[in-house]
């Protein structure tokens, strides 16, 4: 039995974004208890040359929406990257979840071999949708979700593996 293209993409994005939402909610409570301003954690980073939490959330949500848009041929919703607080980051994740909720299995199943055009090093490159998902989208999506988790954990938010995996 083969597994559907939808099943290995949209539900995975939804699950991890819901976990990220719950982690950010814990961060909100923790920040309030510790009297930390909402923008401090949103701007936190692991190292001076890394992007902050806000960028990690923006990138994770972008990966999921652009995957759906590129494979289905839909226009991706446009969300300016202006989030500066945990409340705004939660709203961004909820927008992504709402968009993913519009996708049905029949929108993706059977499109594994569809060619998707990407920009790589300034050049248009075509890759099969399945390769795009497995070799580009998923590694990057998990990188940004993991980095968001790591930033919050590093900043004292009491989260653990169970929070990350759900």
Protein backbone atom coordinates (compact mmCIF):
# COMPACT_ATOMS: atom_id res chain seq x y z
CA UNK A 1 0.00 0.00 0.00
CA UNK A 2 1.31 3.45 -0.87
CA UNK A 3 0.84 6.45 1.33
CA UNK A 4 -0.77 9.56 -0.11
CA UNK A 5 1.19 12.68 -0.99
CA UNK A 6 -1.30 14.68 1.06
CA UNK A 7 -0.79 12.44 4.11
CA UNK A 8 2.97 13.00 4.16
CA UNK A 9 2.69 16.77 3.80
CA UNK A 10 -0.31 18.75 5.04
CA UNK A 11 -1.06 16.77 8.24
CA UNK A 12 2.65 16.87 9.12
CA UNK A 13 2.74 20.66 8.69
CA UNK A 14 -0.46 21.01 10.71
CA UNK A 15 0.78 18.86 13.56
CA UNK A 16 4.12 20.61 13.89
CA UNK A 17 2.60 24.08 13.57
CA UNK A 18 0.07 23.23 16.30
CA UNK A 19 2.95 22.04 18.48
CA UNK A 20 4.82 25.26 17.75
CA UNK A 21 1.71 27.24 18.63
CA UNK A 22 1.48 25.44 21.98
CA UNK A 23 5.17 26.12 22.65
CA UNK A 24 4.70 29.81 21.93
CA UNK A 25 1.69 29.86 24.25
CA UNK A 26 3.92 28.42 26.99
CA UNK A 27 6.48 31.10 26.17
CA UNK A 28 3.80 33.75 26.54
CA UNK A 29 2.85 32.52 30.01
CA UNK A 30 6.50 32.22 30.99
CA UNK A 31 7.30 35.71 29.72
CA UNK A 32 4.40 37.18 31.70
CA UNK A 33 5.53 35.39 34.86
CA UNK A 34 9.09 36.63 34.36
CA UNK A 35 7.95 40.15 33.35
CA UNK A 36 9.60 39.91 29.93
CA UNK A 37 8.26 42.23 27.23
CA UNK A 38 6.48 40.37 24.39
CA UNK A 39 8.89 41.61 21.74
CA UNK A 40 11.98 40.36 23.59
CA UNK A 41 11.34 36.66 22.95
CA UNK A 42 10.09 37.31 19.41
CA UNK A 43 13.44 38.96 18.70
CA UNK A 44 15.53 36.37 20.55
CA UNK A 45 18.16 34.35 18.71
CA UNK A 46 20.61 31.61 19.55
CA UNK A 47 23.65 33.44 18.24
CA UNK A 48 24.29 37.00 17.09
CA UNK A 49 24.52 35.97 13.43
CA UNK A 50 21.31 33.90 13.45
CA UNK A 51 17.81 35.02 12.59
CA UNK A 52 15.40 35.61 15.49
CA UNK A 53 12.37 33.62 16.60
CA UNK A 54 10.08 35.78 14.45
CA UNK A 55 11.99 34.77 11.31
CA UNK A 56 11.88 31.08 12.27
CA UNK A 57 8.08 31.17 12.58
CA UNK A 58 7.73 33.17 9.37
CA UNK A 59 9.95 30.70 7.52
CA UNK A 60 8.16 27.60 8.83
CA UNK A 61 4.76 28.99 7.85
CA UNK A 62 6.11 30.10 4.47
CA UNK A 63 7.51 26.65 3.71
CA UNK A 64 4.13 25.02 4.26
CA UNK A 65 2.07 27.57 2.32
CA UNK A 66 4.50 27.76 -0.61
CA UNK A 67 4.60 23.98 -0.90
CA UNK A 68 0.82 23.83 -1.21
CA UNK A 69 0.68 26.76 -3.61
CA UNK A 70 3.45 25.52 -5.89
CA UNK A 71 2.16 21.98 -6.13
CA UNK A 72 -1.54 22.82 -6.49
CA UNK A 73 -1.03 25.86 -8.70
CA UNK A 74 -2.86 28.13 -6.25
CA UNK A 75 -1.73 31.61 -5.38
CA UNK A 76 0.00 31.59 -2.02
CA UNK A 77 -1.45 34.00 0.50
CA UNK A 78 0.76 37.02 1.09
CA UNK A 79 1.69 37.77 4.68
CA UNK A 80 4.13 40.58 5.39
CA UNK A 81 6.90 39.54 7.75
CA UNK A 82 6.11 42.13 10.42
CA UNK A 83 5.49 40.03 13.53
CA UNK A 84 7.23 41.45 16.59
CA UNK A 85 5.42 39.82 19.51
CA UNK A 86 4.42 36.32 20.53
CA UNK A 87 0.75 37.23 19.97
CA UNK A 88 1.55 38.23 16.40
CA UNK A 89 3.55 35.02 15.85
CA UNK A 90 0.60 32.96 17.09
CA UNK A 91 -1.66 34.81 14.65
CA UNK A 92 0.78 33.99 11.84
CA UNK A 93 0.70 30.30 12.71
CA UNK A 94 -3.11 30.36 12.88
CA UNK A 95 -3.24 31.92 9.39
CA UNK A 96 -1.04 29.10 8.10
CA UNK A 97 -3.22 26.48 9.79
CA UNK A 98 -6.35 28.05 8.30
CA UNK A 99 -4.77 27.99 4.83
CA UNK A 100 -3.65 24.38 5.22
CA UNK A 101 -7.20 23.54 6.32
CA UNK A 102 -8.43 24.46 2.83
CA UNK A 103 -6.33 21.71 1.24
CA UNK A 104 -7.97 18.37 0.52
CA UNK A 105 -6.23 15.06 -0.27
CA UNK A 106 -7.40 15.22 -3.88
CA UNK A 107 -5.60 18.57 -4.27
CA UNK A 108 -2.21 16.89 -3.78
CA UNK A 109 -2.56 13.15 -4.30
CA UNK A 110 -1.23 12.09 -7.68
CA UNK A 111 0.91 15.21 -8.12
CA UNK A 112 4.14 13.66 -6.82
CA UNK A 113 5.68 13.74 -10.31
CA UNK A 114 4.49 17.24 -11.19
CA UNK A 115 7.34 19.60 -12.02
CA UNK A 116 7.68 22.54 -9.67
CA UNK A 117 9.77 25.57 -10.62
CA UNK A 118 12.11 26.93 -7.96
CA UNK A 119 14.79 29.61 -7.93
CA UNK A 120 18.21 28.22 -7.04
CA UNK A 121 21.25 30.47 -7.20
CA UNK A 122 19.24 32.91 -9.34
CA UNK A 123 18.27 30.23 -11.87
CA UNK A 124 14.89 28.62 -12.48
CA UNK A 125 15.14 24.91 -11.73
CA UNK A 126 12.40 22.33 -12.14
CA UNK A 127 12.09 19.49 -9.67
CA UNK A 128 9.48 16.83 -9.12
CA UNK A 129 6.99 17.77 -6.40
CA UNK A 130 7.96 14.72 -4.33
CA UNK A 131 11.64 15.67 -4.44
CA UNK A 132 10.71 19.25 -3.58
CA UNK A 133 8.78 18.07 -0.52
CA UNK A 134 11.27 15.50 0.74
CA UNK A 135 14.58 17.20 -0.09
CA UNK A 136 13.75 20.88 0.28
CA UNK A 137 10.51 21.69 2.09
CA UNK A 138 10.59 19.16 4.93
CA UNK A 139 14.24 19.64 5.94
CA UNK A 140 13.82 23.42 5.94
CA UNK A 141 10.43 23.31 7.67
CA UNK A 142 11.80 21.13 10.47
CA UNK A 143 14.94 23.27 10.73
CA UNK A 144 12.90 26.42 11.37
CA UNK A 145 10.44 24.75 13.78
CA UNK A 146 13.35 23.19 15.68
CA UNK A 147 15.25 26.46 15.79
CA UNK A 148 12.15 28.25 17.12
CA UNK A 149 11.88 25.61 19.85
CA UNK A 150 15.60 25.91 20.61
CA UNK A 151 15.46 29.70 20.89
CA UNK A 152 12.63 29.53 23.40
CA UNK A 153 14.23 26.70 25.38
CA UNK A 154 17.54 28.57 25.41
CA UNK A 155 15.70 31.60 26.82
CA UNK A 156 14.30 29.66 29.75
CA UNK A 157 10.88 28.64 28.49
CA UNK A 158 10.11 25.33 30.24
CA UNK A 159 9.54 23.11 27.22
CA UNK A 160 10.83 19.64 26.43
CA UNK A 161 10.84 16.99 23.75
CA UNK A 162 7.21 16.10 24.42
CA UNK A 163 6.22 19.69 23.61
CA UNK A 164 8.12 19.53 20.33
CA UNK A 165 6.78 16.18 19.12
CA UNK A 166 3.31 16.63 20.59
